[in-house]
Amino acid sequence: MKRSIHVLALLFCSLLLILSACSSSDSSSGSNASASSATKQKEVDVSSPKENNEPVEIEFWYALGGANGEVIQEMVEEFNASQDEVKVNATYQGDYYENHAKVMAAVAAGNAPDVTQIEIGSIAAFADAGALEDLTPYAEGENGLELNDFIEGLMGSSYWQGRFYALPFARSTPLLYLNVDMLKEHGLDPAGPKTWDELRQFAQTMSKEGEVWGFETPIDIWFYEALVFQNGGEILSEDGTEVRFNSPEGIEPLKFWKAMMEEGSMKMPPGEKYNAWDVAASDFTNGKVGMIFTTTGALNSLMEAAPFEVGTAFMPMKKSYGAPTGGSNLVIMAQSSPEKKEAAWKFLKWMTDTEQTIKWSKRTGYMPVRVSAVESDEMAQLYEEKPQFKVAVDQLEYAKTRPMAPGYSELQEVIMAEIQRAILDQATPEEALNAAAQKAEQILK
């Protein structure tokens, strides 16, 4: 499932050229949406009546497969059946990486979907290129919604340069998943380790050479970000223009992983990107590993698949607790017609309302995105019956937004490739991250 960085870069350049050409006739246009476009957006009448009785059809591309994808399809069907004004055609486009590339290509070709699910690390790239609709006039219009009801810690990736582009939907943080039975068998605290040192000690205790590993994690940018945050470091500067990950705080996580792998207490699953995630999840449910890092969005499926008690815990701390928020938001594409944008807004509003976010969270494990959902009686009952579901919400106190920079979707590929080189002893951690930093400086420019 390897994705060429050069292909993505070429597609992105094509997107920028086309969007630039489309706006060149307006002498007042800037690097973002033109002033005239902004004015048109403000004039959108999100409550205008249809001129005929036919529903407005919109295309929705989503990026979650398996059981979670089935839930999305069910929700779309329920939305379509609940009213007769909008008909949503939902299509699975592959994982986040694949969907990103397909949407980028579709925008460049002028045939983008009306609504899509975008991984939060890519929001800035699409917004900066003018590919996303500013949702402010919709949120503030007659058919608007109360943005203050969305969990504050999840809203950072909804904005780019002061404009509101995306509604939180399938949001997550990484968690430490525990085989509680295995922990108890070895006399370890079933609540799991709280620090990096404890994680290593627990993993050493549970490991059996060549048969069982105490800990496993995909060597993924998301988990690397978490360890950097826990170590008091940063990936980029706050404005997204300067590299910070090749600092001592960014190097130490790689040394930590390498040390655990060399002693046999940590397994790195084979495969790339989500293949590796699937391998780690399978090893966990098959009892080959005692603890893994993965998304809270996998909670329901892991609890159903595991023949043992599954526990969840905060990501262990170094200097402090820390985890990046993740997952995806829903956006409306700027290329769509005003009628389709109005229809798309109705769909976004329904998909993220309190009732739907409760249903989505209970069925998948993703976090409810609204305060009213978290505080509802239904979620309170779920948290009492299955406290594992509340850990991600509680961890938001220590969560940080992933870097928001137009080039970060490409940059994360570079960082992951260099991290892999360090883990496979093809370079030292310092050499790998310095090489990534040099490439990053060009990408960020």
Protein backbone atom coordinates (compact mmCIF):
# COMPACT_ATOMS: atom_id res chain seq x y z
CA MET A 1 0.00 0.00 0.00
CA LYS A 2 2.99 2.20 -0.51
CA ARG A 3 2.15 5.74 -1.58
CA SER A 4 4.70 7.69 -3.56
CA ILE A 5 5.53 11.04 -2.01
CA HIS A 6 6.45 12.28 -5.47
CA VAL A 7 3.03 11.37 -6.86
CA LEU A 8 1.29 13.21 -4.03
CA ALA A 9 3.52 16.21 -4.50
CA LEU A 10 2.81 16.25 -8.26
CA LEU A 11 -0.92 16.03 -7.68
CA PHE A 12 -0.77 18.80 -5.11
CA CYS A 13 1.20 21.03 -7.47
CA SER A 14 -1.38 20.38 -10.18
CA LEU A 15 -4.11 21.31 -7.72
CA LEU A 16 -2.40 24.56 -6.83
CA LEU A 17 -1.83 25.50 -10.48
CA ILE A 18 -5.45 24.87 -11.44
CA LEU A 19 -6.84 26.74 -8.47
CA SER A 20 -4.45 29.61 -9.12
CA ALA A 21 -5.50 29.78 -12.78
CA CYS A 22 -9.18 29.79 -11.83
CA SER A 23 -8.68 32.80 -9.58
CA SER A 24 -6.16 34.74 -11.68
CA SER A 25 -8.80 36.98 -13.25
CA ASP A 26 -9.46 38.58 -9.86
CA SER A 27 -6.67 41.05 -9.24
CA SER A 28 -7.51 41.18 -5.53
CA SER A 29 -7.00 37.44 -4.93
CA GLY A 30 -4.45 36.33 -2.35
CA SER A 31 -2.89 33.04 -1.28
CA ASN A 32 -6.21 31.85 0.10
CA ALA A 33 -9.78 32.27 -1.19
CA SER A 34 -10.26 35.60 -2.92
CA ALA A 35 -12.15 38.47 -1.36
CA SER A 36 -14.90 38.04 -3.93
CA SER A 37 -15.17 34.33 -3.11
CA ALA A 38 -15.42 35.15 0.58
CA THR A 39 -18.20 37.62 -0.18
CA LYS A 40 -20.06 35.02 -2.19
CA GLN A 41 -19.71 32.54 0.66
CA LYS A 42 -21.20 35.05 3.07
CA GLU A 43 -24.15 35.48 0.74
CA VAL A 44 -24.98 31.77 0.77
CA ASP A 45 -28.62 31.22 1.72
CA VAL A 46 -28.48 27.91 3.55
CA SER A 47 -32.24 27.86 4.01
CA SER A 48 -33.39 28.59 0.44
CA PRO A 49 -36.22 26.33 -0.77
CA LYS A 50 -35.77 23.85 -3.65
CA GLU A 51 -37.44 24.71 -6.94
CA ASN A 52 -38.66 21.14 -7.50
CA ASN A 53 -39.56 18.09 -5.47
CA GLU A 54 -36.51 16.03 -6.45
CA PRO A 55 -33.87 15.55 -3.74
CA VAL A 56 -30.48 17.13 -4.29
CA GLU A 57 -27.93 14.35 -4.80
CA ILE A 58 -24.47 14.77 -3.32
CA GLU A 59 -21.37 12.58 -3.39
CA PHE A 60 -19.71 11.64 -0.10
CA TRP A 61 -16.29 9.98 -0.05
CA TYR A 62 -15.28 8.31 3.21
CA ALA A 63 -12.08 6.68 4.41
CA LEU A 64 -12.95 4.01 6.98
CA GLY A 65 -13.39 0.39 5.97
CA GLY A 66 -14.44 -2.75 7.82
CA ALA A 67 -16.98 -2.56 10.62
CA ASN A 68 -16.57 1.21 10.99
CA GLY A 69 -17.25 1.72 7.31
CA GLU A 70 -20.42 -0.34 7.64
CA VAL A 71 -21.59 2.00 10.41
CA ILE A 72 -21.00 5.00 8.12
CA GLN A 73 -23.07 3.37 5.38
CA GLU A 74 -25.87 2.66 7.87
CA MET A 75 -25.83 6.27 9.04
CA VAL A 76 -26.01 7.55 5.47
CA GLU A 77 -28.95 5.28 4.74
CA GLU A 78 -30.69 6.50 7.88
CA PHE A 79 -30.11 10.13 6.87
CA ASN A 80 -31.51 9.50 3.40
CA ALA A 81 -34.59 7.84 4.89
CA SER A 82 -35.12 10.61 7.46
CA GLN A 83 -35.92 13.34 4.91
CA ASP A 84 -36.63 13.84 1.20
CA GLU A 85 -34.55 16.93 0.41
CA VAL A 86 -31.07 15.40 0.13
CA LYS A 87 -29.82 12.07 -1.18
CA VAL A 88 -26.27 11.12 -0.22
CA ASN A 89 -24.29 8.66 -2.32
CA ALA A 90 -21.53 7.32 -0.07
CA THR A 91 -18.40 5.69 -1.51
CA TYR A 92 -15.45 4.15 0.32
CA GLN A 93 -12.19 5.46 -1.17
CA GLY A 94 -9.62 3.53 0.85
CA ASP A 95 -7.75 4.56 3.98
CA TYR A 96 -6.81 8.14 4.86
CA TYR A 97 -3.72 8.12 2.65
CA GLU A 98 -5.59 6.75 -0.37
CA ASN A 99 -8.55 9.07 0.12
CA HIS A 100 -6.21 12.06 0.40
CA ALA A 101 -4.59 11.25 -2.95
CA LYS A 102 -7.92 10.58 -4.68
CA VAL A 103 -9.54 13.79 -3.42
CA MET A 104 -6.47 15.79 -4.42
CA ALA A 105 -6.57 14.30 -7.92
CA ALA A 106 -10.33 14.87 -8.19
CA VAL A 107 -10.00 18.52 -7.21
CA ALA A 108 -7.28 19.02 -9.82
CA ALA A 109 -9.50 17.34 -12.43
CA GLY A 110 -12.55 19.39 -11.47
CA ASN A 111 -14.71 16.45 -10.37
CA ALA A 112 -14.33 16.46 -6.60
CA PRO A 113 -16.98 14.96 -4.31
CA ASP A 114 -19.30 17.36 -2.51
CA VAL A 115 -18.38 16.07 0.96
CA THR A 116 -15.42 14.05 2.10
CA GLN A 117 -13.77 12.75 5.22
CA ILE A 118 -10.25 14.18 5.61
CA GLU A 119 -7.60 13.14 8.12
CA ILE A 120 -6.92 16.17 10.26
CA GLY A 121 -3.26 16.40 9.23
CA SER A 122 -4.41 17.19 5.69
CA ILE A 123 -6.93 19.94 6.47
CA ALA A 124 -4.40 22.75 6.13
CA ALA A 125 -3.16 21.51 2.74
CA PHE A 126 -6.62 21.51 1.19
CA ALA A 127 -7.74 24.71 2.92
CA ASP A 128 -4.61 26.63 1.95
CA ALA A 129 -5.15 25.61 -1.68
CA GLY A 130 -8.70 26.99 -1.61
CA ALA A 131 -10.24 23.55 -2.11
CA LEU A 132 -12.51 23.68 0.96
CA GLU A 133 -15.66 25.68 1.57
CA ASP A 134 -15.57 28.14 4.46
CA LEU A 135 -18.31 26.86 6.77
CA THR A 136 -18.68 30.04 8.80
CA PRO A 137 -21.74 31.40 6.95
CA TYR A 138 -23.44 28.02 7.23
CA ALA A 139 -22.75 27.69 10.96
CA GLU A 140 -23.97 31.24 11.60
CA GLY A 141 -26.96 31.08 9.24
CA GLU A 142 -30.59 30.24 9.84
CA ASN A 143 -29.80 26.52 9.55
CA GLY A 144 -26.68 26.89 11.70
CA LEU A 145 -25.44 25.07 14.77
CA GLU A 146 -23.86 25.81 18.13
CA LEU A 147 -20.10 25.40 17.68
CA ASN A 148 -19.52 25.79 21.42
CA ASP A 149 -21.11 22.36 21.89
CA PHE A 150 -18.19 20.72 20.08
CA ILE A 151 -15.40 19.59 22.40
CA GLU A 152 -12.83 22.39 22.47
CA GLY A 153 -9.85 20.05 22.33
CA LEU A 154 -11.05 18.69 18.99
CA MET A 155 -11.64 22.02 17.24
CA GLY A 156 -8.05 23.10 16.64
CA SER A 157 -7.87 21.24 13.34
CA SER A 158 -11.16 22.71 12.10
CA TYR A 159 -9.63 26.12 11.37
CA TRP A 160 -7.00 27.41 9.00
CA GLN A 161 -5.83 31.03 9.09
CA GLY A 162 -8.86 32.10 11.08
CA ARG A 163 -11.47 30.46 8.87
CA PHE A 164 -13.70 27.54 9.82
CA TYR A 165 -13.44 24.65 7.34
CA ALA A 166 -14.29 21.34 8.99
CA LEU A 167 -16.60 19.66 11.49
CA PRO A 168 -15.15 17.02 13.85
CA PHE A 169 -16.48 13.55 13.11
CA ALA A 170 -14.39 10.38 13.57
CA ARG A 171 -12.04 11.78 16.20
CA SER A 172 -9.60 9.84 18.27
CA THR A 173 -6.47 9.77 20.34
CA PRO A 174 -4.00 6.89 20.54
CA LEU A 175 -4.41 4.68 23.60
CA LEU A 176 -2.43 1.98 25.34
CA TYR A 177 -4.43 -1.25 25.04
CA LEU A 178 -3.89 -3.92 27.69
CA ASN A 179 -4.35 -7.67 27.86
CA VAL A 180 -5.57 -7.49 31.44
CA ASP A 181 -5.46 -11.27 31.89
CA MET A 182 -1.81 -11.39 30.86
CA LEU A 183 -0.92 -8.55 33.21
CA LYS A 184 -2.57 -10.36 36.11
CA GLU A 185 -0.81 -13.64 35.24
CA HIS A 186 2.53 -11.89 35.67
CA GLY A 187 1.57 -10.08 38.87
CA LEU A 188 1.46 -6.67 37.16
CA ASP A 189 -0.94 -3.81 37.82
CA PRO A 190 -4.01 -4.49 35.60
CA ALA A 191 -4.43 -0.73 35.18
CA GLY A 192 -1.24 -0.76 33.13
CA PRO A 193 2.04 1.18 33.19
CA LYS A 194 1.99 4.92 33.82
CA THR A 195 5.50 5.88 32.61
CA TRP A 196 7.97 4.94 29.88
CA ASP A 197 10.10 3.10 32.45
CA GLU A 198 7.10 1.13 33.66
CA LEU A 199 6.09 0.32 30.10
CA ARG A 200 9.52 -1.18 29.51
CA GLN A 201 9.48 -3.08 32.82
CA PHE A 202 6.00 -4.49 32.16
CA ALA A 203 7.00 -5.47 28.63
CA GLN A 204 10.16 -7.21 29.84
CA THR A 205 8.18 -9.17 32.42
CA MET A 206 5.56 -10.41 29.93
CA SER A 207 7.92 -11.24 27.06
CA LYS A 208 8.91 -14.80 26.16
CA GLU A 209 11.66 -14.93 23.56
CA GLY A 210 10.36 -15.61 20.08
CA GLU A 211 6.83 -16.35 21.28
CA VAL A 212 5.33 -13.45 23.21
CA TRP A 213 6.24 -9.77 23.31
CA GLY A 214 5.19 -7.48 26.08
CA PHE A 215 4.64 -4.51 23.78
CA GLU A 216 4.04 -3.82 20.10
CA THR A 217 3.44 -0.69 18.07
CA PRO A 218 3.44 0.29 14.43
CA ILE A 219 6.29 2.74 13.83
CA ASP A 220 3.82 5.41 12.81
CA ILE A 221 4.00 9.20 12.80
CA TRP A 222 1.00 9.44 15.13
CA PHE A 223 2.62 7.39 17.89
CA TYR A 224 5.95 9.14 17.36
CA GLU A 225 4.18 12.50 17.80
CA ALA A 226 2.75 11.21 21.08
CA LEU A 227 6.15 10.25 22.47
CA VAL A 228 7.66 13.59 21.43
CA PHE A 229 4.85 15.43 23.22
CA GLN A 230 5.29 13.24 26.31
CA ASN A 231 8.98 14.10 26.30
CA GLY A 232 8.28 17.84 26.27
CA GLY A 233 9.13 18.29 22.58
CA GLU A 234 7.43 19.60 19.46
CA ILE A 235 7.21 18.41 15.86
CA LEU A 236 7.01 21.89 14.34
CA SER A 237 6.87 25.41 15.71
CA GLU A 238 3.41 26.68 16.59
CA ASP A 239 3.12 28.57 13.29
CA GLY A 240 4.14 25.45 11.35
CA THR A 241 7.18 27.03 9.70
CA GLU A 242 10.12 25.62 11.69
CA VAL A 243 11.30 22.06 12.30
CA ARG A 244 11.57 21.00 15.95
CA PHE A 245 11.48 17.17 15.86
CA ASN A 246 15.26 16.67 15.45
CA SER A 247 15.81 17.96 18.99
CA PRO A 248 16.96 15.76 21.89
CA GLU A 249 13.29 15.44 22.88
CA GLY A 250 12.49 14.09 19.42
CA ILE A 251 15.49 11.77 19.21
CA GLU A 252 14.93 10.05 22.57
CA PRO A 253 11.68 8.25 21.54
CA LEU A 254 13.57 6.45 18.75
CA LYS A 255 16.30 5.39 21.14
CA PHE A 256 13.62 4.16 23.54
CA TRP A 257 11.92 2.03 20.88
CA LYS A 258 15.24 0.65 19.61
CA ALA A 259 16.36 -0.35 23.10
CA MET A 260 13.12 -2.26 23.72
CA MET A 261 13.35 -4.01 20.36
CA GLU A 262 16.98 -5.02 20.91
CA GLU A 263 16.16 -6.58 24.27
CA GLY A 264 13.17 -8.46 22.80
CA SER A 265 10.42 -6.77 24.81
CA MET A 266 8.92 -4.85 21.86
CA LYS A 267 7.81 -6.07 18.46
CA MET A 268 7.56 -3.89 15.38
CA PRO A 269 4.80 -5.30 13.16
CA PRO A 270 5.74 -5.82 9.50
CA GLY A 271 3.95 -3.93 6.77
CA GLU A 272 3.41 -0.29 5.93
CA LYS A 273 0.94 2.16 7.43
CA TYR A 274 -2.39 0.54 8.18
CA ASN A 275 -1.18 -2.96 7.29
CA ALA A 276 1.09 -2.73 10.29
CA TRP A 277 -1.80 -1.51 12.42
CA ASP A 278 -3.81 -4.58 11.41
CA VAL A 279 -0.92 -6.90 12.27
CA ALA A 280 -0.53 -5.32 15.72
CA ALA A 281 -4.27 -5.64 16.40
CA SER A 282 -4.22 -9.30 15.31
CA ASP A 283 -1.17 -10.09 17.47
CA PHE A 284 -2.93 -8.48 20.42
CA THR A 285 -6.21 -10.39 20.09
CA ASN A 286 -4.32 -13.64 19.45
CA GLY A 287 -2.38 -13.26 22.71
CA LYS A 288 1.03 -12.82 21.07
CA VAL A 289 1.55 -9.41 22.66
CA GLY A 290 0.44 -7.96 25.97
CA MET A 291 0.14 -4.25 25.14
CA ILE A 292 -0.22 -2.21 21.96
CA PHE A 293 -0.63 1.38 20.85
CA THR A 294 -3.58 1.98 18.57
CA THR A 295 -6.51 4.31 18.05
CA THR A 296 -9.52 4.55 20.30
CA GLY A 297 -11.48 4.00 17.08
CA ALA A 298 -10.49 0.32 17.27
CA LEU A 299 -11.90 -0.15 20.77
CA ASN A 300 -15.19 -1.80 19.95
CA SER A 301 -13.70 -4.22 17.43
CA LEU A 302 -10.84 -5.24 19.74
CA MET A 303 -13.16 -5.82 22.68
CA GLU A 304 -15.38 -8.01 20.51
CA ALA A 305 -12.46 -9.98 19.01
CA ALA A 306 -10.32 -10.59 22.11
CA PRO A 307 -10.96 -13.75 24.19
CA PHE A 308 -9.62 -11.91 27.25
CA GLU A 309 -10.40 -8.74 29.17
CA VAL A 310 -9.27 -5.70 27.23
CA GLY A 311 -8.17 -2.65 29.18
CA THR A 312 -7.31 0.85 28.02
CA ALA A 313 -4.99 3.41 29.57
CA PHE A 314 -3.41 6.78 28.89
CA MET A 315 -0.30 6.75 26.74
CA PRO A 316 2.52 6.40 29.31
CA MET A 317 4.26 9.60 30.32
CA LYS A 318 7.90 10.64 30.20
CA LYS A 319 7.95 14.25 31.43
CA SER A 320 4.17 14.48 31.20
CA TYR A 321 1.20 12.74 29.67
CA GLY A 322 0.61 13.67 26.05
CA ALA A 323 -1.18 12.47 22.96
CA PRO A 324 -2.02 13.97 19.59
CA THR A 325 -5.64 14.21 18.63
CA GLY A 326 -6.32 12.36 15.43
CA GLY A 327 -8.93 10.91 13.18
CA SER A 328 -10.87 12.87 10.61
CA ASN A 329 -13.23 15.76 10.01
CA LEU A 330 -15.99 16.29 7.45
CA VAL A 331 -15.57 19.04 4.86
CA ILE A 332 -17.51 20.53 1.94
CA MET A 333 -15.56 21.00 -1.27
CA ALA A 334 -15.43 24.50 -2.72
CA GLN A 335 -16.04 23.28 -6.29
CA SER A 336 -19.59 22.13 -5.57
CA SER A 337 -22.60 24.15 -6.69
CA PRO A 338 -24.43 26.37 -4.17
CA GLU A 339 -27.37 23.96 -4.16
CA LYS A 340 -25.14 20.98 -3.42
CA LYS A 341 -23.25 22.91 -0.75
CA GLU A 342 -26.53 23.68 0.99
CA ALA A 343 -27.46 20.00 0.83
CA ALA A 344 -23.99 19.01 2.05
CA TRP A 345 -24.32 21.30 5.06
CA LYS A 346 -27.60 19.62 6.05
CA PHE A 347 -25.82 16.26 5.86
CA LEU A 348 -22.79 17.44 7.90
CA LYS A 349 -25.04 18.94 10.53
CA TRP A 350 -26.99 15.68 10.86
CA MET A 351 -23.89 13.42 10.93
CA THR A 352 -22.36 15.41 13.79
CA ASP A 353 -25.44 16.12 15.89
CA THR A 354 -25.67 14.83 19.45
CA GLU A 355 -27.76 11.78 18.64
CA GLN A 356 -25.50 10.64 15.81
CA THR A 357 -22.23 11.21 17.66
CA ILE A 358 -23.54 9.10 20.55
CA LYS A 359 -24.45 6.31 18.17
CA TRP A 360 -21.14 6.57 16.31
CA SER A 361 -19.10 6.50 19.52
CA LYS A 362 -20.96 3.52 20.99
CA ARG A 363 -20.66 1.50 17.78
CA THR A 364 -16.98 2.21 17.10
CA GLY A 365 -15.05 3.59 20.07
CA TYR A 366 -14.32 6.95 18.44
CA MET A 367 -14.82 9.86 20.81
CA PRO A 368 -18.14 11.69 20.88
CA VAL A 369 -17.40 15.11 19.43
CA ARG A 370 -20.04 17.09 21.32
CA VAL A 371 -20.14 18.11 24.98
CA SER A 372 -23.87 17.35 25.05
CA ALA A 373 -23.09 13.80 23.94
CA VAL A 374 -20.38 13.24 26.57
CA GLU A 375 -22.75 14.54 29.27
CA SER A 376 -25.76 12.55 28.07
CA ASP A 377 -27.36 9.82 30.17
CA GLU A 378 -26.74 7.34 27.38
CA MET A 379 -22.97 7.91 27.34
CA ALA A 380 -22.84 8.01 31.15
CA GLN A 381 -24.39 4.55 31.20
CA LEU A 382 -21.90 3.30 28.60
CA TYR A 383 -18.95 4.70 30.57
CA GLU A 384 -20.21 2.96 33.70
CA GLU A 385 -20.64 -0.37 31.93
CA LYS A 386 -17.50 -0.08 29.79
CA PRO A 387 -15.05 2.40 31.36
CA GLN A 388 -12.59 1.68 28.54
CA PHE A 389 -14.64 4.04 26.35
CA LYS A 390 -14.05 7.05 28.61
CA VAL A 391 -10.26 6.88 28.70
CA ALA A 392 -9.84 8.74 25.40
CA VAL A 393 -12.17 11.53 26.54
CA ASP A 394 -10.27 11.88 29.82
CA GLN A 395 -6.93 11.89 27.98
CA LEU A 396 -8.03 14.99 26.04
CA GLU A 397 -6.85 17.02 29.05
CA TYR A 398 -3.29 16.25 27.89
CA ALA A 399 -3.91 16.14 24.14
CA LYS A 400 -2.42 18.41 21.49
CA THR A 401 -3.52 19.20 17.96
CA ARG A 402 -1.41 17.61 15.24
CA PRO A 403 0.79 20.08 13.33
CA MET A 404 -1.28 22.36 11.08
CA ALA A 405 0.81 23.20 8.01
CA PRO A 406 -0.04 22.82 4.31
CA GLY A 407 2.98 20.58 3.74
CA TYR A 408 2.52 18.32 6.76
CA SER A 409 0.65 15.59 4.89
CA GLU A 410 3.77 15.17 2.75
CA LEU A 411 6.21 15.83 5.57
CA GLN A 412 4.80 13.06 7.78
CA GLU A 413 5.69 10.56 5.04
CA VAL A 414 9.28 11.83 5.09
CA ILE A 415 9.51 11.57 8.87
CA MET A 416 8.08 8.04 8.88
CA ALA A 417 10.54 6.89 6.22
CA GLU A 418 13.48 8.23 8.22
CA ILE A 419 12.18 6.76 11.48
CA GLN A 420 12.02 3.37 9.77
CA ARG A 421 15.66 3.76 8.70
CA ALA A 422 16.69 4.41 12.28
CA ILE A 423 14.68 1.49 13.66
CA LEU A 424 16.18 -0.86 11.04
CA ASP A 425 19.73 0.30 11.92
CA GLN A 426 20.26 1.92 8.53
CA ALA A 427 21.01 5.20 10.30
CA THR A 428 21.36 6.49 13.83
CA PRO A 429 18.32 8.29 15.26
CA GLU A 430 20.22 11.57 15.01
CA GLU A 431 21.21 10.97 11.38
CA ALA A 432 17.69 9.92 10.39
CA LEU A 433 15.92 12.86 11.99
CA ASN A 434 18.47 15.38 10.74
CA ALA A 435 17.95 14.01 7.22
CA ALA A 436 14.20 14.35 7.68
CA ALA A 437 14.67 17.90 8.95
CA GLN A 438 16.62 18.92 5.85
CA LYS A 439 13.85 17.62 3.59
CA ALA A 440 11.23 19.18 5.84
CA GLU A 441 12.69 22.65 5.46
CA GLN A 442 12.20 22.44 1.70
CA ILE A 443 8.64 21.09 2.04
CA LEU A 444 7.63 23.79 4.51
CA LYS A 445 8.88 26.52 2.18
